[in-house]
Amino acid sequence: MQVQAATKSDIPAIMRVERMEGYARLVGRWEAEQHAAEIENPSCRYLVARDGTGIAGFAILQGVGSVNHCVRLRRIAVENAGRGAGSKLLRSVLQICFGDLAAHRVELFVFIDNDRAYRTYLRTGFAEEGVVRDLHRDADGSFRSMRLMSMLRQEWTAKS
């Protein structure tokens, strides 16, 4: 699996992955226009994991270049969850964040009912900072809480 910067031509494949069954509730989804705007945003990075000729997964980073050196992992998803591809992609993304982007901190929010992702983040070295109550509003109007998790550069360095 090779992780590299995405281009606008990758947006349909990214949307295909985020529209896989069950992913809307776990990772969210955007329309093509929002992806196109974000991919052009200088503080945003889109990364794709290529497996052969196709895209096996993607990650969206926000806050790149912030004065606080804090990068937010906004979204990460893989086509074949549960087979280790997500963990590999996550480690590659963290290497890019702490290496290429010189982040001091990488943070993310994970839905409290997304146990698979939560366990993966813990195994990778993220620390849970707490639950942010009713942070996300679903399309049906209901609210859901999310866990705030982070990893600091020195924790990544000690683990890798």
Protein backbone atom coordinates (compact mmCIF):
# COMPACT_ATOMS: atom_id res chain seq x y z
CA MET A 1 0.00 0.00 0.00
CA GLN A 2 1.43 3.34 -1.08
CA VAL A 3 0.17 6.55 0.58
CA GLN A 4 0.38 9.76 -1.41
CA ALA A 5 -1.29 13.12 -1.89
CA ALA A 6 -4.70 12.94 -3.53
CA THR A 7 -5.80 14.99 -6.52
CA LYS A 8 -9.20 16.25 -7.59
CA SER A 9 -9.45 13.26 -9.93
CA ASP A 10 -9.41 11.01 -6.82
CA ILE A 11 -12.58 12.57 -5.36
CA PRO A 12 -15.01 10.05 -6.97
CA ALA A 13 -13.01 7.13 -5.50
CA ILE A 14 -12.85 8.84 -2.10
CA MET A 15 -16.62 9.33 -2.20
CA ARG A 16 -17.09 5.68 -3.15
CA VAL A 17 -15.16 4.58 -0.05
CA GLU A 18 -16.96 6.94 2.32
CA ARG A 19 -20.30 5.77 0.92
CA MET A 20 -19.72 2.12 1.73
CA GLU A 21 -22.43 0.55 3.86
CA GLY A 22 -22.35 1.78 7.45
CA TYR A 23 -19.63 4.40 6.86
CA ALA A 24 -21.95 7.43 6.86
CA ARG A 25 -22.64 6.85 10.55
CA LEU A 26 -19.02 5.97 11.41
CA VAL A 27 -16.93 8.44 9.43
CA GLY A 28 -19.32 10.83 7.69
CA ARG A 29 -19.51 11.86 4.08
CA TRP A 30 -19.34 14.97 1.96
CA GLU A 31 -20.65 15.89 -1.45
CA ALA A 32 -18.21 16.38 -4.34
CA GLU A 33 -18.32 20.18 -4.04
CA GLN A 34 -17.22 20.11 -0.41
CA HIS A 35 -14.40 17.68 -1.18
CA ALA A 36 -13.29 19.89 -4.11
CA ALA A 37 -13.20 22.97 -1.86
CA GLU A 38 -11.33 21.17 0.94
CA ILE A 39 -8.75 19.57 -1.35
CA GLU A 40 -7.83 23.10 -2.55
CA ASN A 41 -7.64 24.51 1.01
CA PRO A 42 -3.96 25.19 1.88
CA SER A 43 -4.48 24.03 5.48
CA CYS A 44 -5.96 20.71 4.34
CA ARG A 45 -4.27 17.57 2.99
CA TYR A 46 -5.97 14.65 1.29
CA LEU A 47 -4.04 11.40 1.30
CA VAL A 48 -4.93 8.23 -0.56
CA ALA A 49 -3.72 4.67 -0.11
CA ARG A 50 -3.20 3.07 -3.48
CA ASP A 51 -3.41 -0.68 -3.76
CA GLY A 52 -2.44 -1.62 -7.28
CA THR A 53 -4.32 0.72 -9.58
CA GLY A 54 -7.21 1.58 -7.24
CA ILE A 55 -7.71 3.52 -4.06
CA ALA A 56 -7.91 1.30 -0.98
CA GLY A 57 -8.51 4.14 1.48
CA PHE A 58 -8.07 7.81 2.22
CA ALA A 59 -7.45 10.31 5.00
CA ILE A 60 -8.30 13.99 5.33
CA LEU A 61 -6.07 16.22 7.45
CA GLN A 62 -7.01 19.72 8.59
CA GLY A 63 -5.08 22.45 10.39
CA VAL A 64 -1.87 21.86 8.46
CA GLY A 65 0.52 24.74 9.09
CA SER A 66 -1.34 25.99 12.15
CA VAL A 67 0.53 28.17 14.62
CA ASN A 68 -0.01 25.47 17.27
CA HIS A 69 1.42 22.69 15.05
CA CYS A 70 -1.78 20.71 15.65
CA VAL A 71 -3.13 18.61 12.79
CA ARG A 72 -6.64 17.19 12.96
CA LEU A 73 -7.32 13.83 11.36
CA ARG A 74 -10.76 14.73 10.06
CA ARG A 75 -11.58 11.47 8.31
CA ILE A 76 -9.95 8.14 7.58
CA ALA A 77 -11.58 5.18 5.87
CA VAL A 78 -10.54 2.05 4.01
CA GLU A 79 -12.36 -0.13 1.55
CA ASN A 80 -11.71 -3.42 3.37
CA ALA A 81 -12.10 -2.70 7.08
CA GLY A 82 -11.06 -5.33 9.60
CA ARG A 83 -8.11 -6.65 7.61
CA GLY A 84 -5.33 -4.35 8.86
CA ALA A 85 -5.43 -1.85 5.99
CA GLY A 86 -6.80 0.89 8.26
CA SER A 87 -4.01 0.40 10.80
CA LYS A 88 -1.38 0.54 8.07
CA LEU A 89 -2.92 3.67 6.59
CA LEU A 90 -3.13 5.30 10.02
CA ARG A 91 0.55 4.65 10.73
CA SER A 92 1.50 6.09 7.33
CA VAL A 93 -0.65 9.16 7.95
CA LEU A 94 0.97 9.69 11.36
CA GLN A 95 4.43 9.38 9.80
CA ILE A 96 3.46 12.12 7.33
CA CYS A 97 1.97 14.30 10.09
CA PHE A 98 4.96 14.11 12.42
CA GLY A 99 7.63 13.85 9.71
CA ASP A 100 6.69 15.84 6.62
CA LEU A 101 4.20 18.24 8.23
CA ALA A 102 6.19 18.81 11.46
CA ALA A 103 3.12 18.41 13.66
CA HIS A 104 3.53 18.54 17.42
CA ARG A 105 0.06 17.07 18.01
CA VAL A 106 -2.38 15.01 15.96
CA GLU A 107 -5.94 14.95 17.19
CA LEU A 108 -9.17 13.35 16.10
CA PHE A 109 -12.77 12.86 17.13
CA VAL A 110 -14.26 9.36 17.01
CA PHE A 111 -17.93 8.55 17.55
CA ILE A 112 -18.45 6.80 20.87
CA ASP A 113 -20.12 3.87 19.09
CA ASN A 114 -17.24 3.34 16.62
CA ASP A 115 -15.49 0.67 18.71
CA ARG A 116 -13.29 -0.72 15.92
CA ALA A 117 -11.74 2.69 15.19
CA TYR A 118 -11.45 3.52 18.90
CA ARG A 119 -9.51 0.31 19.60
CA THR A 120 -7.27 0.94 16.58
CA TYR A 121 -6.46 4.46 17.79
CA LEU A 122 -5.62 3.18 21.28
CA ARG A 123 -3.39 0.40 19.86
CA THR A 124 -1.61 2.96 17.69
CA GLY A 125 -0.81 5.12 20.71
CA PHE A 126 -3.54 7.75 20.83
CA ALA A 127 -4.68 8.91 24.27
CA GLU A 128 -8.33 9.56 25.03
CA GLU A 129 -8.81 13.08 26.35
CA GLY A 130 -12.52 12.82 27.08
CA VAL A 131 -16.00 12.69 25.63
CA VAL A 132 -17.43 15.74 23.92
CA ARG A 133 -21.15 15.43 24.47
CA ASP A 134 -23.62 15.88 21.59
CA LEU A 135 -20.93 17.26 19.29
CA HIS A 136 -22.33 15.90 16.03
CA ARG A 137 -25.83 16.37 14.63
CA ASP A 138 -27.01 13.61 12.31
CA ALA A 139 -29.23 14.19 9.29
CA ASP A 140 -32.27 13.00 11.27
CA GLY A 141 -31.69 15.78 13.83
CA SER A 142 -30.37 13.54 16.62
CA PHE A 143 -27.11 14.34 18.38
CA ARG A 144 -24.20 12.01 19.09
CA SER A 145 -21.20 12.31 21.34
CA MET A 146 -17.58 11.81 20.28
CA ARG A 147 -14.31 10.99 21.99
CA LEU A 148 -11.45 13.45 21.61
CA MET A 149 -8.16 11.60 21.16
CA SER A 150 -4.64 12.82 20.48
CA MET A 151 -1.05 11.82 20.04
CA LEU A 152 1.97 14.04 20.67
CA ARG A 153 5.19 13.98 18.66
CA GLN A 154 7.21 12.54 21.57
CA GLU A 155 4.68 9.70 21.98
CA TRP A 156 4.94 8.86 18.27
CA THR A 157 8.73 9.00 18.40
CA ALA A 158 8.85 6.72 21.45
CA LYS A 159 6.46 4.22 19.81
CA SER A 160 8.04 4.07 16.34
